[in-house]
C-alpha cells in the first residue's frame, strides 16, 4: 500500500502540468488568487493527508482482511460442499443397502409364503387322506357289521329251519343221542 502513496505524488505533479491555469495568460499559476491553484493545492494537501494518515495502507489492510474473510468463507463453503458430498454418498450407500435389504426381505417373504402354502397344501392333503381312510374304515366296519348281521340272521334262520326239520324228523332217541354227542364234543374242546 505504500506504493499507492508514492504513486500519488507523480500523479499530482502531472495534474499541475496539465492544469488550465498554466495555459492561462494573465495571472501567475502559483498565485493564491488563482482558484485553480488553490483547488490543486487543497487536493494535493488532501492526498498528502491521506498518505500521512496511512489511509491507503488502512484501506489495503481492510481489503486484505476482507479478501482473507472471503477466502475463509470460500474454504468453509468448499469444506461444507465436500462434507455434503460425503453425506450424499453415505446416504446413497444407505439407500442402496436399504433397497438390497428390502429385496432380500421380499424374497424371504416369498419363500416363507411358498413354504407356508406348501405346508398348508400338505396338511390339507394329509387331512383329506386321513378322512378318506377313516371313511373307508367306517365303510369296512359297516360292511363287516352288515355281513355279521346277515350271517347271524342266516344262522338264526338256518337254525330255526334245522330245528324245525329236526323236530319233524327226529325222534326222542335220536335227540338224546345228539345231545350226548354234543356234550362229548364240548368236553373234548374244553380239555
N, C-alpha and C. Protein backbone atom coordinates (compact mmCIF):
# COMPACT_ATOMS: atom_id res chain seq x y z
N UNK A 1 0.81 -1.19 0.00
CA UNK A 1 0.00 0.00 0.00
C UNK A 1 0.86 1.26 0.00
N UNK A 2 2.09 1.13 0.37
CA UNK A 2 2.98 2.30 0.33
C UNK A 2 3.22 2.74 -1.09
N UNK A 3 3.11 1.80 -2.00
CA UNK A 3 3.25 2.15 -3.41
C UNK A 3 2.18 3.14 -3.84
N UNK A 4 0.98 2.95 -3.28
CA UNK A 4 -0.11 3.84 -3.65
C UNK A 4 0.21 5.28 -3.23
N UNK A 5 0.82 5.46 -2.04
CA UNK A 5 1.20 6.80 -1.59
C UNK A 5 2.27 7.41 -2.47
N UNK A 6 3.22 6.61 -2.88
CA UNK A 6 4.29 7.10 -3.75
C UNK A 6 3.78 7.37 -5.16
N UNK A 7 2.76 6.64 -5.55
CA UNK A 7 2.21 6.84 -6.89
C UNK A 7 1.38 8.11 -6.95
N UNK A 8 0.89 8.59 -5.80
CA UNK A 8 0.06 9.80 -5.78
C UNK A 8 0.87 11.06 -6.10
N UNK A 9 2.10 11.07 -5.66
CA UNK A 9 2.90 12.28 -5.88
C UNK A 9 3.15 12.55 -7.36
N UNK A 10 3.57 11.57 -8.15
CA UNK A 10 3.73 11.86 -9.58
C UNK A 10 2.41 12.22 -10.23
N UNK A 11 1.32 11.62 -9.74
CA UNK A 11 0.02 11.94 -10.32
C UNK A 11 -0.33 13.39 -10.05
N UNK A 12 0.00 13.87 -8.85
CA UNK A 12 -0.30 15.27 -8.52
C UNK A 12 0.53 16.20 -9.39
N UNK A 13 1.77 15.83 -9.62
CA UNK A 13 2.64 16.64 -10.47
C UNK A 13 2.09 16.73 -11.88
N UNK A 14 1.57 15.65 -12.38
CA UNK A 14 1.01 15.65 -13.73
C UNK A 14 -0.24 16.52 -13.79
N UNK A 15 -0.98 16.54 -12.69
CA UNK A 15 -2.17 17.38 -12.68
C UNK A 15 -1.78 18.86 -12.76
N UNK A 16 -0.68 19.21 -12.05
CA UNK A 16 -0.22 20.59 -12.13
C UNK A 16 0.18 20.94 -13.55
N UNK A 17 0.85 20.00 -14.17
CA UNK A 17 1.35 20.27 -15.51
C UNK A 17 0.22 20.39 -16.50
N UNK A 18 -0.83 19.65 -16.30
CA UNK A 18 -1.94 19.67 -17.26
C UNK A 18 -2.98 20.70 -16.90
N UNK A 19 -2.77 21.45 -15.86
CA UNK A 19 -3.76 22.40 -15.39
C UNK A 19 -3.99 23.50 -16.41
N UNK A 20 -5.25 23.92 -16.58
CA UNK A 20 -5.54 25.03 -17.49
C UNK A 20 -4.95 26.35 -16.99
N UNK A 21 -4.57 26.39 -15.68
CA UNK A 21 -4.01 27.62 -15.14
C UNK A 21 -2.65 27.90 -15.77
N UNK A 22 -1.94 26.84 -16.15
CA UNK A 22 -0.65 27.05 -16.80
C UNK A 22 -0.86 27.67 -18.18
N UNK A 23 -1.94 27.29 -18.76
CA UNK A 23 -2.20 27.81 -20.09
C UNK A 23 -2.79 29.22 -20.02
N UNK A 24 -3.30 29.61 -18.87
CA UNK A 24 -3.91 30.92 -18.74
C UNK A 24 -2.82 32.01 -18.83
N UNK A 25 -3.14 33.04 -19.46
CA UNK A 25 -2.13 34.05 -19.71
C UNK A 25 -2.02 35.09 -18.63
N UNK A 26 -3.01 35.40 -17.89
CA UNK A 26 -2.99 36.57 -17.05
C UNK A 26 -2.24 36.39 -15.77
N UNK A 27 -2.76 35.75 -14.86
CA UNK A 27 -2.17 35.67 -13.53
C UNK A 27 -1.20 34.52 -13.44
N UNK A 28 -0.39 34.61 -12.45
CA UNK A 28 0.60 33.58 -12.21
C UNK A 28 -0.11 32.31 -11.72
N UNK A 29 0.52 31.20 -12.09
CA UNK A 29 -0.08 29.92 -11.72
C UNK A 29 -0.04 29.70 -10.22
N UNK A 30 1.04 30.14 -9.58
CA UNK A 30 1.22 29.88 -8.16
C UNK A 30 0.60 30.96 -7.28
N UNK A 31 -0.21 31.74 -7.81
CA UNK A 31 -0.86 32.78 -7.04
C UNK A 31 -2.05 32.20 -6.32
N UNK A 32 -2.26 32.67 -5.09
CA UNK A 32 -3.40 32.17 -4.32
C UNK A 32 -4.69 32.77 -4.81
N UNK A 33 -4.60 33.74 -5.67
CA UNK A 33 -5.81 34.30 -6.24
C UNK A 33 -6.36 33.43 -7.34
N UNK A 34 -5.52 32.62 -7.85
CA UNK A 34 -5.95 31.69 -8.89
C UNK A 34 -6.70 30.54 -8.21
N UNK A 35 -7.96 30.41 -8.53
CA UNK A 35 -8.79 29.39 -7.89
C UNK A 35 -8.34 27.98 -8.23
N UNK A 36 -7.88 27.85 -9.39
CA UNK A 36 -7.44 26.52 -9.80
C UNK A 36 -6.22 26.10 -9.01
N UNK A 37 -5.35 27.04 -8.72
CA UNK A 37 -4.15 26.74 -7.94
C UNK A 37 -4.55 26.34 -6.53
N UNK A 38 -5.50 27.04 -5.97
CA UNK A 38 -5.96 26.73 -4.61
C UNK A 38 -6.58 25.35 -4.57
N UNK A 39 -7.36 25.04 -5.59
CA UNK A 39 -8.01 23.72 -5.64
C UNK A 39 -6.95 22.65 -5.76
N UNK A 40 -5.95 22.86 -6.59
CA UNK A 40 -4.89 21.86 -6.78
C UNK A 40 -4.11 21.71 -5.50
N UNK A 41 -3.79 22.81 -4.84
CA UNK A 41 -3.03 22.74 -3.57
C UNK A 41 -3.85 21.99 -2.53
N UNK A 42 -5.13 22.35 -2.45
CA UNK A 42 -6.01 21.67 -1.47
C UNK A 42 -6.09 20.19 -1.78
N UNK A 43 -6.14 19.87 -3.06
CA UNK A 43 -6.22 18.45 -3.44
C UNK A 43 -4.94 17.72 -3.10
N UNK A 44 -3.81 18.37 -3.37
CA UNK A 44 -2.52 17.75 -3.04
C UNK A 44 -2.38 17.61 -1.54
N UNK A 45 -2.77 18.62 -0.79
CA UNK A 45 -2.72 18.52 0.67
C UNK A 45 -3.63 17.41 1.18
N UNK A 46 -4.78 17.30 0.55
CA UNK A 46 -5.73 16.23 0.91
C UNK A 46 -5.10 14.87 0.65
N UNK A 47 -4.45 14.73 -0.51
CA UNK A 47 -3.78 13.47 -0.83
C UNK A 47 -2.64 13.21 0.13
N UNK A 48 -1.89 14.29 0.47
CA UNK A 48 -0.78 14.15 1.41
C UNK A 48 -1.30 13.75 2.78
N UNK A 49 -2.42 14.34 3.20
CA UNK A 49 -3.04 13.99 4.47
C UNK A 49 -3.46 12.53 4.47
N UNK A 50 -4.02 12.09 3.36
CA UNK A 50 -4.43 10.68 3.26
C UNK A 50 -3.22 9.76 3.39
N UNK A 51 -2.12 10.16 2.74
CA UNK A 51 -0.90 9.35 2.81
C UNK A 51 -0.34 9.41 4.21
N UNK A 52 -0.33 10.62 4.84
CA UNK A 52 0.21 10.77 6.18
C UNK A 52 -0.59 9.95 7.18
N UNK A 53 -1.89 9.95 7.06
CA UNK A 53 -2.75 9.17 7.96
C UNK A 53 -2.79 7.68 7.58
N UNK A 54 -2.03 7.35 6.57
CA UNK A 54 -1.91 5.96 6.10
C UNK A 54 -3.27 5.38 5.70
N UNK A 55 -4.08 6.21 5.13
CA UNK A 55 -5.40 5.76 4.67
C UNK A 55 -5.27 4.71 3.58
N UNK A 56 -4.37 4.90 2.59
CA UNK A 56 -4.25 3.83 1.58
C UNK A 56 -3.81 2.51 2.21
N UNK A 57 -2.91 2.62 3.20
CA UNK A 57 -2.46 1.41 3.89
C UNK A 57 -3.62 0.77 4.65
N UNK A 58 -4.39 1.60 5.34
CA UNK A 58 -5.54 1.08 6.09
C UNK A 58 -6.58 0.49 5.15
N UNK A 59 -6.79 1.17 4.03
CA UNK A 59 -7.73 0.63 3.04
C UNK A 59 -7.22 -0.71 2.52
N UNK A 60 -5.89 -0.76 2.27
CA UNK A 60 -5.28 -2.01 1.82
C UNK A 60 -5.45 -3.12 2.86
N UNK A 61 -5.21 -2.76 4.15
CA UNK A 61 -5.40 -3.75 5.21
C UNK A 61 -6.85 -4.22 5.27
N UNK A 62 -7.76 -3.22 5.15
CA UNK A 62 -9.19 -3.60 5.17
C UNK A 62 -9.50 -4.52 4.00
N UNK A 63 -8.96 -4.18 2.83
CA UNK A 63 -9.21 -5.03 1.67
C UNK A 63 -8.57 -6.41 1.86
N UNK A 64 -7.36 -6.41 2.47
CA UNK A 64 -6.71 -7.70 2.74
C UNK A 64 -7.53 -8.54 3.72
N UNK A 65 -8.03 -7.87 4.79
CA UNK A 65 -8.88 -8.60 5.75
C UNK A 65 -10.14 -9.12 5.08
N UNK A 66 -10.71 -8.27 4.23
CA UNK A 66 -11.93 -8.68 3.52
C UNK A 66 -11.62 -9.84 2.59
N UNK A 67 -10.46 -9.74 1.90
CA UNK A 67 -10.07 -10.83 1.00
C UNK A 67 -9.84 -12.11 1.80
N UNK A 68 -9.20 -11.97 2.98
CA UNK A 68 -8.97 -13.14 3.84
C UNK A 68 -10.31 -13.72 4.33
N UNK A 69 -11.24 -12.85 4.69
CA UNK A 69 -12.56 -13.32 5.13
C UNK A 69 -13.27 -14.03 3.98
N UNK A 70 -13.17 -13.46 2.79
CA UNK A 70 -13.79 -14.10 1.62
C UNK A 70 -13.13 -15.45 1.35
N UNK A 71 -11.79 -15.48 1.47
CA UNK A 71 -11.06 -16.75 1.26
C UNK A 71 -11.51 -17.77 2.30
N UNK A 72 -11.67 -17.32 3.56
CA UNK A 72 -12.12 -18.23 4.63
C UNK A 72 -13.54 -18.73 4.33
N UNK A 73 -14.39 -17.82 3.86
CA UNK A 73 -15.76 -18.22 3.51
C UNK A 73 -15.75 -19.23 2.37
N UNK A 74 -14.87 -18.97 1.38
CA UNK A 74 -14.77 -19.91 0.26
C UNK A 74 -14.28 -21.26 0.75
N UNK A 75 -13.26 -21.24 1.64
CA UNK A 75 -12.75 -22.50 2.18
C UNK A 75 -13.84 -23.22 2.98
N UNK A 76 -14.59 -22.45 3.77
CA UNK A 76 -15.69 -23.04 4.55
C UNK A 76 -16.76 -23.60 3.62
N UNK A 77 -17.08 -22.86 2.56
CA UNK A 77 -18.07 -23.34 1.59
C UNK A 77 -17.57 -24.62 0.91
N UNK A 78 -16.27 -24.65 0.58
CA UNK A 78 -15.67 -25.84 -0.04
C UNK A 78 -15.75 -27.03 0.93
N UNK A 79 -15.41 -26.76 2.20
CA UNK A 79 -15.47 -27.82 3.21
C UNK A 79 -16.90 -28.33 3.39
N UNK A 80 -17.85 -27.39 3.42
CA UNK A 80 -19.27 -27.78 3.57
C UNK A 80 -19.71 -28.58 2.35
N UNK A 81 -19.27 -28.15 1.15
CA UNK A 81 -19.64 -28.88 -0.06
C UNK A 81 -19.06 -30.30 -0.03
N UNK A 82 -17.79 -30.42 0.37
CA UNK A 82 -17.18 -31.75 0.45
C UNK A 82 -17.89 -32.63 1.47
N UNK A 83 -18.25 -32.01 2.62
CA UNK A 83 -18.99 -32.76 3.64
C UNK A 83 -20.36 -33.17 3.11
N UNK A 84 -21.01 -32.28 2.37
CA UNK A 84 -22.31 -32.60 1.78
C UNK A 84 -22.17 -33.73 0.77
N UNK A 85 -21.09 -33.71 -0.01
CA UNK A 85 -20.87 -34.79 -0.97
C UNK A 85 -20.64 -36.12 -0.26
N UNK A 86 -19.87 -36.07 0.86
CA UNK A 86 -19.66 -37.30 1.64
C UNK A 86 -20.98 -37.80 2.20
N UNK A 87 -21.78 -36.87 2.75
CA UNK A 87 -23.08 -37.26 3.29
C UNK A 87 -23.98 -37.83 2.19
N UNK A 88 -23.96 -37.19 1.02
CA UNK A 88 -24.77 -37.68 -0.09
C UNK A 88 -24.34 -39.09 -0.48
N UNK A 89 -23.02 -39.29 -0.58
CA UNK A 89 -22.51 -40.62 -0.92
C UNK A 89 -22.91 -41.62 0.16
N UNK A 90 -22.83 -41.19 1.42
CA UNK A 90 -23.23 -42.07 2.52
C UNK A 90 -24.71 -42.42 2.43
N UNK A 91 -25.54 -41.39 2.19
CA UNK A 91 -26.99 -41.63 2.08
C UNK A 91 -27.31 -42.50 0.87
N UNK A 92 -26.59 -42.27 -0.24
CA UNK A 92 -26.82 -43.12 -1.41
C UNK A 92 -26.43 -44.56 -1.11
N UNK A 93 -25.33 -44.74 -0.37
CA UNK A 93 -24.92 -46.09 0.03
C UNK A 93 -25.96 -46.73 0.93
N UNK A 94 -26.46 -45.95 1.89
CA UNK A 94 -27.50 -46.48 2.79
C UNK A 94 -28.77 -46.80 2.02
N UNK A 95 -29.12 -45.93 1.06
CA UNK A 95 -30.31 -46.18 0.25
C UNK A 95 -30.16 -47.46 -0.54
N UNK A 96 -28.99 -47.64 -1.15
CA UNK A 96 -28.73 -48.85 -1.92
C UNK A 96 -28.81 -50.07 -1.00
N UNK A 97 -28.19 -49.95 0.18
CA UNK A 97 -28.22 -51.05 1.14
C UNK A 97 -29.66 -51.34 1.58
N UNK A 98 -30.44 -50.27 1.82
CA UNK A 98 -31.83 -50.46 2.22
C UNK A 98 -32.64 -51.11 1.10
N UNK A 99 -32.37 -50.72 -0.15
CA UNK A 99 -33.06 -51.34 -1.27
C UNK A 99 -32.70 -52.82 -1.39
N UNK A 100 -31.40 -53.12 -1.20
CA UNK A 100 -30.98 -54.52 -1.26
C UNK A 100 -31.63 -55.32 -0.13
N UNK A 101 -31.66 -54.71 1.07
CA UNK A 101 -32.27 -55.39 2.21
C UNK A 101 -33.77 -55.58 1.96
N UNK A 102 -34.42 -54.58 1.38
CA UNK A 102 -35.84 -54.72 1.07
C UNK A 102 -36.05 -55.85 0.06
N UNK A 103 -35.16 -55.94 -0.91
CA UNK A 103 -35.24 -57.03 -1.89
C UNK A 103 -35.07 -58.38 -1.21
N UNK A 104 -34.11 -58.46 -0.27
CA UNK A 104 -33.91 -59.72 0.45
C UNK A 104 -35.14 -60.05 1.29
N UNK A 105 -35.71 -59.03 1.93
CA UNK A 105 -36.90 -59.25 2.76
C UNK A 105 -38.06 -59.75 1.90
N UNK A 106 -38.25 -59.13 0.74
CA UNK A 106 -39.33 -59.55 -0.16
C UNK A 106 -39.10 -60.99 -0.63
N UNK A 107 -37.85 -61.30 -1.00
CA UNK A 107 -37.53 -62.66 -1.45
C UNK A 107 -37.77 -63.65 -0.32
N UNK A 108 -37.35 -63.28 0.88
CA UNK A 108 -37.55 -64.17 2.03
C UNK A 108 -39.05 -64.34 2.32
N UNK A 109 -39.79 -63.23 2.20
CA UNK A 109 -41.24 -63.31 2.43
C UNK A 109 -41.89 -64.23 1.40
N UNK A 110 -41.43 -64.14 0.13
CA UNK A 110 -41.96 -65.03 -0.90
C UNK A 110 -41.67 -66.49 -0.56
N UNK A 111 -40.42 -66.73 -0.17
CA UNK A 111 -40.04 -68.10 0.19
C UNK A 111 -40.89 -68.60 1.36
N UNK A 112 -41.06 -67.74 2.36
CA UNK A 112 -41.88 -68.12 3.52
C UNK A 112 -43.32 -68.39 3.10
N UNK A 113 -43.86 -67.53 2.23
CA UNK A 113 -45.23 -67.71 1.77
C UNK A 113 -45.36 -69.02 0.99
N UNK A 114 -44.37 -69.31 0.13
CA UNK A 114 -44.42 -70.57 -0.62
C UNK A 114 -44.31 -71.76 0.32
N UNK A 115 -43.44 -71.66 1.33
CA UNK A 115 -43.29 -72.74 2.30
C UNK A 115 -44.58 -72.94 3.08
N UNK A 116 -45.19 -71.84 3.53
CA UNK A 116 -46.45 -71.94 4.27
C UNK A 116 -47.54 -72.53 3.38
N UNK A 117 -47.60 -72.08 2.12
CA UNK A 117 -48.60 -72.61 1.20
C UNK A 117 -48.37 -74.10 0.96
N UNK A 118 -47.11 -74.50 0.77
CA UNK A 118 -46.79 -75.91 0.55
C UNK A 118 -47.15 -76.74 1.79
N UNK A 119 -46.81 -76.22 2.97
CA UNK A 119 -47.15 -76.93 4.20
C UNK A 119 -48.66 -77.03 4.38
N UNK A 120 -49.37 -75.94 4.07
CA UNK A 120 -50.83 -75.96 4.18
C UNK A 120 -51.42 -76.97 3.21
N UNK A 121 -50.88 -77.00 1.98
CA UNK A 121 -51.34 -77.96 0.98
C UNK A 121 -51.09 -79.39 1.47
N UNK A 122 -49.90 -79.63 2.01
CA UNK A 122 -49.58 -80.97 2.51
C UNK A 122 -50.47 -81.34 3.68
N UNK A 123 -50.72 -80.36 4.58
CA UNK A 123 -51.60 -80.64 5.72
C UNK A 123 -53.01 -80.94 5.25
N UNK A 124 -53.49 -80.19 4.26
CA UNK A 124 -54.84 -80.44 3.73
C UNK A 124 -54.88 -81.81 3.07
N UNK A 125 -53.85 -82.14 2.29
CA UNK A 125 -53.82 -83.45 1.64
C UNK A 125 -53.78 -84.55 2.69
N UNK A 126 -52.98 -84.36 3.75
CA UNK A 126 -52.91 -85.35 4.83
C UNK A 126 -54.25 -85.47 5.54
N UNK A 127 -54.89 -84.33 5.78
CA UNK A 127 -56.21 -84.34 6.43
C UNK A 127 -57.22 -85.08 5.56
N UNK A 128 -57.20 -84.80 4.25
CA UNK A 128 -58.12 -85.48 3.34
C UNK A 128 -57.82 -86.97 3.32
N UNK A 129 -56.51 -87.32 3.28
CA UNK A 129 -56.14 -88.74 3.28
C UNK A 129 -56.62 -89.43 4.55
N UNK A 130 -56.43 -88.77 5.71
CA UNK A 130 -56.90 -89.37 6.97
C UNK A 130 -58.42 -89.51 6.98
N UNK A 131 -59.12 -88.50 6.50
CA UNK A 131 -60.59 -88.58 6.46
C UNK A 131 -61.05 -89.68 5.51
N UNK A 132 -60.35 -89.76 4.36
CA UNK A 132 -60.70 -90.83 3.42
C UNK A 132 -60.45 -92.20 4.06
N UNK A 133 -59.32 -92.34 4.74
CA UNK A 133 -59.00 -93.60 5.41
C UNK A 133 -60.04 -93.89 6.50
N UNK A 134 -60.41 -92.86 7.28
CA UNK A 134 -61.43 -93.05 8.32
C UNK A 134 -62.76 -93.44 7.68
N UNK A 135 -63.10 -92.79 6.56
CA UNK A 135 -64.36 -93.12 5.89
C UNK A 135 -64.32 -94.56 5.37
N UNK A 136 -63.16 -94.95 4.78
CA UNK A 136 -63.03 -96.32 4.29
C UNK A 136 -63.14 -97.32 5.43
N UNK A 137 -62.50 -96.98 6.59
CA UNK A 137 -62.60 -97.87 7.75
C UNK A 137 -64.04 -97.96 8.23
N UNK A 138 -64.74 -96.81 8.23
CA UNK A 138 -66.15 -96.83 8.64
C UNK A 138 -66.97 -97.67 7.66
N UNK A 139 -66.67 -97.55 6.37
CA UNK A 139 -67.40 -98.34 5.37
C UNK A 139 -67.12 -99.82 5.59
N UNK A 140 -65.82 -100.18 5.81
CA UNK A 140 -65.47 -101.59 6.06
C UNK A 140 -66.16 -102.10 7.32
N UNK A 141 -66.14 -101.22 8.38
CA UNK A 141 -66.79 -101.63 9.63
C UNK A 141 -68.29 -101.83 9.40
N UNK A 142 -68.89 -100.92 8.63
CA UNK A 142 -70.33 -101.06 8.35
C UNK A 142 -70.58 -102.32 7.52
N UNK A 143 -69.70 -102.58 6.53
CA UNK A 143 -69.85 -103.81 5.73
C UNK A 143 -69.72 -105.05 6.60
N UNK A 144 -68.68 -105.04 7.51
CA UNK A 144 -68.49 -106.18 8.41
C UNK A 144 -69.71 -106.36 9.30
N UNK A 145 -70.25 -105.25 9.81
CA UNK A 145 -71.43 -105.33 10.68
C UNK A 145 -72.61 -105.91 9.92
N UNK A 146 -72.80 -105.41 8.67
CA UNK A 146 -73.90 -105.91 7.85
C UNK A 146 -73.70 -107.41 7.56
N UNK A 147 -72.44 -107.78 7.24
CA UNK A 147 -72.17 -109.20 6.97
C UNK A 147 -72.46 -110.05 8.21
N UNK A 148 -72.02 -109.55 9.40
CA UNK A 148 -72.30 -110.30 10.64
C UNK A 148 -73.80 -110.44 10.87
N UNK A 149 -74.47 -109.27 10.69
CA UNK A 149 -75.92 -109.31 10.91
C UNK A 149 -76.59 -110.27 9.93
N UNK A 150 -76.13 -110.22 8.66
CA UNK A 150 -76.71 -111.13 7.65
C UNK A 150 -76.36 -112.57 8.03
N UNK A 151 -75.10 -112.83 8.44
CA UNK A 151 -74.69 -114.16 8.84
C UNK A 151 -75.51 -114.65 10.04
N UNK A 152 -75.63 -113.74 11.04
CA UNK A 152 -76.39 -114.10 12.24
C UNK A 152 -77.85 -114.37 11.88
N UNK A 153 -78.36 -113.54 11.00
CA UNK A 153 -79.75 -113.75 10.55
C UNK A 153 -79.86 -115.07 9.80
N UNK A 154 -78.85 -115.31 8.93
CA UNK A 154 -78.88 -116.57 8.18
C UNK A 154 -78.73 -117.76 9.12
N UNK A 155 -77.81 -117.60 10.10
CA UNK A 155 -77.64 -118.69 11.07
C UNK A 155 -78.92 -118.89 11.85
N UNK A 156 -79.53 -117.81 12.24
CA UNK A 156 -80.80 -117.91 13.00
C UNK A 156 -81.87 -118.59 12.18
N UNK A 157 -81.96 -118.15 10.91
CA UNK A 157 -82.98 -118.76 10.04
C UNK A 157 -82.65 -120.23 9.80
N UNK A 158 -81.34 -120.48 9.56
CA UNK A 158 -80.93 -121.87 9.32
C UNK A 158 -81.15 -122.71 10.57
N UNK A 159 -80.85 -122.13 11.72
CA UNK A 159 -81.05 -122.86 12.98
C UNK A 159 -82.52 -123.14 13.19
N UNK A 160 -83.32 -122.13 12.96
CA UNK A 160 -84.78 -122.33 13.12
C UNK A 160 -85.28 -123.37 12.13
N UNK A 161 -84.78 -123.25 10.90
CA UNK A 161 -85.21 -124.20 9.88
C UNK A 161 -84.72 -125.61 10.23
N UNK A 162 -83.46 -125.69 10.68
CA UNK A 162 -82.92 -127.01 11.04
C UNK A 162 -83.65 -127.57 12.24
N UNK A 163 -83.93 -126.74 13.19
CA UNK A 163 -84.66 -127.20 14.37
C UNK A 163 -86.03 -127.69 13.96
N UNK A 164 -86.65 -127.00 13.05
CA UNK A 164 -87.98 -127.39 12.58
C UNK A 164 -87.88 -128.73 11.86
N UNK A 165 -86.87 -128.86 11.02
CA UNK A 165 -86.69 -130.11 10.28
C UNK A 165 -86.36 -131.23 11.25
N UNK A 166 -85.50 -130.94 12.18
CA UNK A 166 -85.11 -131.96 13.14
C UNK A 166 -86.31 -132.35 13.99
N UNK A 167 -87.08 -131.43 14.43
CA UNK A 167 -88.25 -131.73 15.23
C UNK A 167 -89.22 -132.61 14.46
N UNK A 168 -89.34 -132.33 13.22
CA UNK A 168 -90.27 -133.12 12.42
C UNK A 168 -89.71 -134.51 12.15
N UNK A 169 -88.43 -134.65 11.90
CA UNK A 169 -87.85 -135.93 11.52
C UNK A 169 -87.23 -136.66 12.70
N UNK A 170 -86.88 -136.02 13.71
CA UNK A 170 -86.12 -136.64 14.78
C UNK A 170 -87.06 -137.22 15.83
N UNK A 171 -86.58 -138.31 16.26
CA UNK A 171 -87.33 -138.98 17.32
C UNK A 171 -86.67 -138.64 18.62
N UNK A 172 -87.25 -139.10 19.71
CA UNK A 172 -86.69 -138.79 21.02
C UNK A 172 -85.36 -139.48 21.20
N UNK A 173 -85.23 -140.69 20.68
CA UNK A 173 -83.97 -141.41 20.81
C UNK A 173 -82.89 -140.70 20.02
N UNK A 174 -83.14 -140.22 18.84
CA UNK A 174 -82.16 -139.50 18.03
C UNK A 174 -81.77 -138.19 18.73
N UNK A 175 -82.70 -137.52 19.36
CA UNK A 175 -82.44 -136.27 20.06
C UNK A 175 -81.52 -136.52 21.23
N UNK A 176 -81.76 -137.58 22.00
CA UNK A 176 -80.91 -137.90 23.14
C UNK A 176 -79.50 -138.23 22.67
N UNK A 177 -79.36 -138.97 21.59
CA UNK A 177 -78.05 -139.33 21.05
C UNK A 177 -77.33 -138.06 20.59
N UNK A 178 -78.02 -137.15 19.98
CA UNK A 178 -77.43 -135.89 19.51
C UNK A 178 -76.97 -135.07 20.70
N UNK A 179 -77.75 -135.03 21.76
CA UNK A 179 -77.39 -134.25 22.96
C UNK A 179 -76.13 -134.84 23.58
N UNK A 180 -76.06 -136.17 23.69
CA UNK A 180 -74.89 -136.81 24.29
C UNK A 180 -73.66 -136.55 23.43
N UNK A 181 -73.81 -136.60 22.14
CA UNK A 181 -72.68 -136.36 21.23
C UNK A 181 -72.20 -134.91 21.37
N UNK A 182 -73.07 -133.99 21.52
CA UNK A 182 -72.73 -132.58 21.68
C UNK A 182 -71.99 -132.36 22.98
N UNK A 183 -72.45 -133.00 24.05
CA UNK A 183 -71.79 -132.87 25.36
C UNK A 183 -70.36 -133.40 25.26
N UNK A 184 -70.17 -134.51 24.59
CA UNK A 184 -68.83 -135.10 24.42
C UNK A 184 -67.95 -134.14 23.62
N UNK A 185 -68.48 -133.54 22.59
CA UNK A 185 -67.70 -132.58 21.76
C UNK A 185 -67.27 -131.36 22.60
N UNK A 186 -68.19 -130.87 23.44
CA UNK A 186 -67.88 -129.71 24.26
C UNK A 186 -66.82 -130.07 25.28
N UNK A 187 -66.91 -131.25 25.90
CA UNK A 187 -65.91 -131.66 26.87
C UNK A 187 -64.55 -131.81 26.22
N UNK A 188 -64.54 -132.34 25.01
CA UNK A 188 -63.26 -132.55 24.29
C UNK A 188 -62.62 -131.19 23.97
N UNK A 189 -63.40 -130.25 23.66
CA UNK A 189 -62.87 -128.92 23.32
C UNK A 189 -62.39 -128.18 24.56
N UNK A 190 -63.03 -128.39 25.67
CA UNK A 190 -62.64 -127.70 26.91
C UNK A 190 -61.34 -128.27 27.46
N UNK A 191 -61.02 -129.50 27.19
CA UNK A 191 -59.78 -130.10 27.74
C UNK A 191 -58.72 -130.04 26.79
